[in-house]
Amino acid sequence: MLEIGRISRPHGVRGEVSVLLTSNRTERLDPGSVLETANGPLEVRSARPHKGSWLVVFEGVHDRDAADALRNVVLLGEPIDDPDELWVHELIGATVIDQDGTARGTVTRLVENPASDLLELDGGTLVPVQFVVSHTPNDKIHVDAPVGLFDLDEAASERDQD
């Protein structure tokens, strides 16, 4: 299960809550969608965008007190199957292969960066996600890296051996 959002606070007196999505897939808030929480599932009755967040009504939440009890609850959902979507849990442990077919390392973590998220490889190399051409979840990531991206690592490796 992936964290897809968090309930921040009640909105109004009729059970509506403000939800901050951490997912760009707004269909997760379609009426009838079921989201998991540590305290059990919540079914979406309605949702609408509001000032950078979403106002959501869940089944069984009819007043402000019930909505307030959901404050800070983390919302979880299954990954949506989209072959073009990159998921962090599918990238960690995968081998990065450049356009020449050379294995460049294994992804150890994703580093968030304003310009582009970066794949950190086991040797410390950082590869911008924008260079990912294709991936097989938990297995291989093919990249079209610009000339010189891996040269610094090779030079440092040679220097360390001297």
C-alpha atoms as a PDB file:
ATOM      1  CA  MET A   1       0.000   0.000   0.000  1.00  0.00           C
ATOM      2  CA  LEU A   2       1.179   3.505  -0.813  1.00  0.00           C
ATOM      3  CA  GLU A   3       0.515   6.692   1.094  1.00  0.00           C
ATOM      4  CA  ILE A   4      -1.718   8.739  -1.181  1.00  0.00           C
ATOM      5  CA  GLY A   5      -2.683  11.534   1.192  1.00  0.00           C
ATOM      6  CA  ARG A   6      -3.406  12.751   4.686  1.00  0.00           C
ATOM      7  CA  ILE A   7      -6.516  14.202   6.298  1.00  0.00           C
ATOM      8  CA  SER A   8      -5.510  17.576   7.674  1.00  0.00           C
ATOM      9  CA  ARG A   9      -8.614  18.950   9.414  1.00  0.00           C
ATOM     10  CA  PRO A  10     -12.405  19.196   9.406  1.00  0.00           C
ATOM     11  CA  HIS A  11     -14.080  21.686   7.072  1.00  0.00           C
ATOM     12  CA  GLY A  12     -17.472  22.966   8.135  1.00  0.00           C
ATOM     13  CA  VAL A  13     -19.978  21.174  10.350  1.00  0.00           C
ATOM     14  CA  ARG A  14     -21.311  18.413   8.061  1.00  0.00           C
ATOM     15  CA  GLY A  15     -18.415  15.930   8.197  1.00  0.00           C
ATOM     16  CA  GLU A  16     -16.322  17.264   5.340  1.00  0.00           C
ATOM     17  CA  VAL A  17     -12.529  17.038   5.767  1.00  0.00           C
ATOM     18  CA  SER A  18      -9.578  18.673   4.031  1.00  0.00           C
ATOM     19  CA  VAL A  19      -7.264  16.125   2.391  1.00  0.00           C
ATOM     20  CA  LEU A  20      -3.726  16.871   1.217  1.00  0.00           C
ATOM     21  CA  LEU A  21      -2.955  14.455  -1.618  1.00  0.00           C
ATOM     22  CA  THR A  22       0.570  13.130  -2.020  1.00  0.00           C
ATOM     23  CA  SER A  23      -0.517  11.401  -5.224  1.00  0.00           C
ATOM     24  CA  ASN A  24      -1.146  13.066  -8.560  1.00  0.00           C
ATOM     25  CA  ARG A  25      -3.888  10.532  -9.286  1.00  0.00           C
ATOM     26  CA  THR A  26      -7.042  12.400  -8.297  1.00  0.00           C
ATOM     27  CA  GLU A  27      -9.233   9.471  -9.377  1.00  0.00           C
ATOM     28  CA  ARG A  28      -8.355   7.943  -6.007  1.00  0.00           C
ATOM     29  CA  LEU A  29     -10.973  10.351  -4.603  1.00  0.00           C
ATOM     30  CA  ASP A  30     -13.748   9.342  -7.005  1.00  0.00           C
ATOM     31  CA  PRO A  31     -17.053   8.558  -5.244  1.00  0.00           C
ATOM     32  CA  GLY A  32     -17.095   4.919  -4.170  1.00  0.00           C
ATOM     33  CA  SER A  33     -13.302   4.654  -3.888  1.00  0.00           C
ATOM     34  CA  VAL A  34     -12.145   2.893  -0.740  1.00  0.00           C
ATOM     35  CA  LEU A  35      -8.993   4.139   0.977  1.00  0.00           C
ATOM     36  CA  GLU A  36      -7.241   2.226   3.731  1.00  0.00           C
ATOM     37  CA  THR A  37      -6.191   3.717   7.075  1.00  0.00           C
ATOM     38  CA  ALA A  38      -4.636   2.332  10.249  1.00  0.00           C
ATOM     39  CA  ASN A  39      -8.172   2.298  11.725  1.00  0.00           C
ATOM     40  CA  GLY A  40      -9.890   0.601   8.787  1.00  0.00           C
ATOM     41  CA  PRO A  41     -11.233   1.543   5.360  1.00  0.00           C
ATOM     42  CA  LEU A  42     -12.917   4.827   4.427  1.00  0.00           C
ATOM     43  CA  GLU A  43     -15.253   5.052   1.426  1.00  0.00           C
ATOM     44  CA  VAL A  44     -15.325   8.338  -0.488  1.00  0.00           C
ATOM     45  CA  ARG A  45     -18.836   9.761  -0.841  1.00  0.00           C
ATOM     46  CA  SER A  46     -17.788  12.996  -2.573  1.00  0.00           C
ATOM     47  CA  ALA A  47     -14.678  15.089  -3.217  1.00  0.00           C
ATOM     48  CA  ARG A  48     -13.901  18.473  -4.717  1.00  0.00           C
ATOM     49  CA  PRO A  49     -10.745  20.565  -5.120  1.00  0.00           C
ATOM     50  CA  HIS A  50     -10.375  23.502  -2.731  1.00  0.00           C
ATOM     51  CA  LYS A  51      -7.390  25.892  -2.359  1.00  0.00           C
ATOM     52  CA  GLY A  52      -4.599  23.399  -3.038  1.00  0.00           C
ATOM     53  CA  SER A  53      -6.242  20.502  -1.233  1.00  0.00           C
ATOM     54  CA  TRP A  54      -9.412  18.421  -1.550  1.00  0.00           C
ATOM     55  CA  LEU A  55     -12.601  18.592   0.480  1.00  0.00           C
ATOM     56  CA  VAL A  56     -13.813  15.040   0.972  1.00  0.00           C
ATOM     57  CA  VAL A  57     -16.876  13.460   2.558  1.00  0.00           C
ATOM     58  CA  PHE A  58     -16.475   9.845   3.685  1.00  0.00           C
ATOM     59  CA  GLU A  59     -19.343   7.404   4.294  1.00  0.00           C
ATOM     60  CA  GLY A  60     -20.390   7.420   7.942  1.00  0.00           C
ATOM     61  CA  VAL A  61     -18.784  10.789   8.742  1.00  0.00           C
ATOM     62  CA  HIS A  62     -21.752  13.111   9.270  1.00  0.00           C
ATOM     63  CA  ASP A  63     -20.639  15.881  11.629  1.00  0.00           C
ATOM     64  CA  ARG A  64     -17.673  17.970  12.694  1.00  0.00           C
ATOM     65  CA  ASP A  65     -16.831  15.732  15.680  1.00  0.00           C
ATOM     66  CA  ALA A  66     -16.573  12.641  13.468  1.00  0.00           C
ATOM     67  CA  ALA A  67     -14.506  14.630  10.955  1.00  0.00           C
ATOM     68  CA  ASP A  68     -12.222  15.930  13.715  1.00  0.00           C
ATOM     69  CA  ALA A  69     -11.553  12.336  14.827  1.00  0.00           C
ATOM     70  CA  LEU A  70      -9.965  11.786  11.382  1.00  0.00           C
ATOM     71  CA  ARG A  71      -7.451  14.621  11.792  1.00  0.00           C
ATOM     72  CA  ASN A  72      -3.917  13.564  10.643  1.00  0.00           C
ATOM     73  CA  VAL A  73      -5.100  10.142   9.435  1.00  0.00           C
ATOM     74  CA  VAL A  74      -2.874   8.790   6.649  1.00  0.00           C
ATOM     75  CA  LEU A  75      -4.750   7.526   3.579  1.00  0.00           C
ATOM     76  CA  LEU A  76      -3.366   4.477   1.769  1.00  0.00           C
ATOM     77  CA  GLY A  77      -4.126   2.977  -1.624  1.00  0.00           C
ATOM     78  CA  GLU A  78      -2.950   0.212  -3.908  1.00  0.00           C
ATOM     79  CA  PRO A  79      -0.569   1.267  -6.688  1.00  0.00           C
ATOM     80  CA  ILE A  80      -2.438   2.067  -9.893  1.00  0.00           C
ATOM     81  CA  ASP A  81      -1.181  -0.122 -12.726  1.00  0.00           C
ATOM     82  CA  ASP A  82       0.290   2.319 -15.248  1.00  0.00           C
ATOM     83  CA  PRO A  83       3.278   1.136 -17.286  1.00  0.00           C
ATOM     84  CA  ASP A  84       4.512   4.718 -17.759  1.00  0.00           C
ATOM     85  CA  GLU A  85       4.410   5.554 -14.035  1.00  0.00           C
ATOM     86  CA  LEU A  86       7.572   5.258 -11.944  1.00  0.00           C
ATOM     87  CA  TRP A  87       7.074   4.105  -8.340  1.00  0.00           C
ATOM     88  CA  VAL A  88       9.877   4.454  -5.813  1.00  0.00           C
ATOM     89  CA  HIS A  89       9.322   0.966  -4.398  1.00  0.00           C
ATOM     90  CA  GLU A  90       9.776  -0.456  -7.921  1.00  0.00           C
ATOM     91  CA  LEU A  91      13.009   1.472  -8.540  1.00  0.00           C
ATOM     92  CA  ILE A  92      14.864   0.574  -5.325  1.00  0.00           C
ATOM     93  CA  GLY A  93      17.047  -2.476  -5.942  1.00  0.00           C
ATOM     94  CA  ALA A  94      16.852  -2.248  -9.741  1.00  0.00           C
ATOM     95  CA  THR A  95      20.017  -2.233 -11.852  1.00  0.00           C
ATOM     96  CA  VAL A  96      20.634   0.900 -13.946  1.00  0.00           C
ATOM     97  CA  ILE A  97      21.793   0.107 -17.485  1.00  0.00           C
ATOM     98  CA  ASP A  98      23.075   2.814 -19.842  1.00  0.00           C
ATOM     99  CA  GLN A  99      22.438   3.080 -23.587  1.00  0.00           C
ATOM    100  CA  ASP A 100      25.552   0.954 -24.305  1.00  0.00           C
ATOM    101  CA  GLY A 101      24.181  -1.914 -22.194  1.00  0.00           C
ATOM    102  CA  THR A 102      26.630  -1.326 -19.335  1.00  0.00           C
ATOM    103  CA  ALA A 103      25.286  -1.958 -15.833  1.00  0.00           C
ATOM    104  CA  ARG A 104      26.086   1.190 -13.834  1.00  0.00           C
ATOM    105  CA  GLY A 105      24.903   0.181 -10.374  1.00  0.00           C
ATOM    106  CA  THR A 106      21.903  -0.638  -8.221  1.00  0.00           C
ATOM    107  CA  VAL A 107      19.419   1.993  -7.059  1.00  0.00           C
ATOM    108  CA  THR A 108      19.648   2.421  -3.281  1.00  0.00           C
ATOM    109  CA  ARG A 109      17.274   5.361  -2.853  1.00  0.00           C
ATOM    110  CA  LEU A 110      15.461   8.222  -4.547  1.00  0.00           C
ATOM    111  CA  VAL A 111      16.751  11.716  -3.772  1.00  0.00           C
ATOM    112  CA  GLU A 112      14.144  14.462  -4.110  1.00  0.00           C
ATOM    113  CA  ASN A 113      15.478  17.476  -5.983  1.00  0.00           C
ATOM    114  CA  PRO A 114      13.540  20.521  -7.258  1.00  0.00           C
ATOM    115  CA  ALA A 115      14.820  20.172 -10.843  1.00  0.00           C
ATOM    116  CA  SER A 116      14.416  16.399 -11.137  1.00  0.00           C
ATOM    117  CA  ASP A 117      14.323  13.503  -8.717  1.00  0.00           C
ATOM    118  CA  LEU A 118      17.605  11.575  -8.672  1.00  0.00           C
ATOM    119  CA  LEU A 119      18.298   7.855  -8.501  1.00  0.00           C
ATOM    120  CA  GLU A 120      21.188   7.235  -6.117  1.00  0.00           C
ATOM    121  CA  LEU A 121      23.220   4.197  -7.082  1.00  0.00           C
ATOM    122  CA  ASP A 122      25.190   1.968  -4.708  1.00  0.00           C
ATOM    123  CA  GLY A 123      28.448   3.656  -5.767  1.00  0.00           C
ATOM    124  CA  GLY A 124      27.074   7.105  -4.940  1.00  0.00           C
ATOM    125  CA  THR A 125      26.303   8.121  -8.534  1.00  0.00           C
ATOM    126  CA  LEU A 126      23.220  10.323  -8.951  1.00  0.00           C
ATOM    127  CA  VAL A 127      21.154   9.776 -12.108  1.00  0.00           C
ATOM    128  CA  PRO A 128      18.308  12.215 -12.903  1.00  0.00           C
ATOM    129  CA  VAL A 129      14.994  10.372 -13.314  1.00  0.00           C
ATOM    130  CA  GLN A 130      14.369  12.327 -16.528  1.00  0.00           C
ATOM    131  CA  PHE A 131      16.942  10.075 -18.270  1.00  0.00           C
ATOM    132  CA  VAL A 132      14.929   6.902 -17.570  1.00  0.00           C
ATOM    133  CA  VAL A 133      13.803   5.407 -20.886  1.00  0.00           C
ATOM    134  CA  SER A 134      12.157   2.224 -19.623  1.00  0.00           C
ATOM    135  CA  HIS A 135      12.012   0.072 -16.543  1.00  0.00           C
ATOM    136  CA  THR A 136      11.066  -3.396 -15.426  1.00  0.00           C
ATOM    137  CA  PRO A 137       9.816  -3.075 -11.821  1.00  0.00           C
ATOM    138  CA  ASN A 138      12.371  -4.286  -9.248  1.00  0.00           C
ATOM    139  CA  ASP A 139      14.718  -5.469 -11.999  1.00  0.00           C
ATOM    140  CA  LYS A 140      16.204  -3.126 -14.623  1.00  0.00           C
ATOM    141  CA  ILE A 141      16.121   0.578 -15.422  1.00  0.00           C
ATOM    142  CA  HIS A 142      17.348   1.618 -18.859  1.00  0.00           C
ATOM    143  CA  VAL A 143      18.657   5.179 -19.078  1.00  0.00           C
ATOM    144  CA  ASP A 144      19.716   7.430 -21.940  1.00  0.00           C
ATOM    145  CA  ALA A 145      22.391   9.303 -20.016  1.00  0.00           C
ATOM    146  CA  PRO A 146      24.231  12.275 -21.494  1.00  0.00           C
ATOM    147  CA  VAL A 147      27.885  11.821 -22.380  1.00  0.00           C
ATOM    148  CA  GLY A 148      30.054  12.228 -19.301  1.00  0.00           C
ATOM    149  CA  LEU A 149      27.442  11.438 -16.631  1.00  0.00           C
ATOM    150  CA  PHE A 150      29.272   8.306 -15.520  1.00  0.00           C
ATOM    151  CA  ASP A 151      32.803   9.524 -16.414  1.00  0.00           C
ATOM    152  CA  LEU A 152      33.316  11.297 -13.082  1.00  0.00           C
ATOM    153  CA  ASP A 153      32.613   8.075 -11.206  1.00  0.00           C
ATOM    154  CA  GLU A 154      35.052   6.127 -13.367  1.00  0.00           C
ATOM    155  CA  ALA A 155      37.769   8.773 -12.869  1.00  0.00           C
ATOM    156  CA  ALA A 156      37.230   8.745  -9.098  1.00  0.00           C
ATOM    157  CA  SER A 157      37.317   4.957  -9.078  1.00  0.00           C
ATOM    158  CA  GLU A 158      40.633   4.913 -10.979  1.00  0.00           C
ATOM    159  CA  ARG A 159      42.076   7.569  -8.649  1.00  0.00           C
ATOM    160  CA  ASP A 160      41.098   5.499  -5.594  1.00  0.00           C
ATOM    161  CA  GLN A 161      42.920   2.464  -7.009  1.00  0.00           C
ATOM    162  CA  ASP A 162      46.195   4.398  -7.447  1.00  0.00           C
END
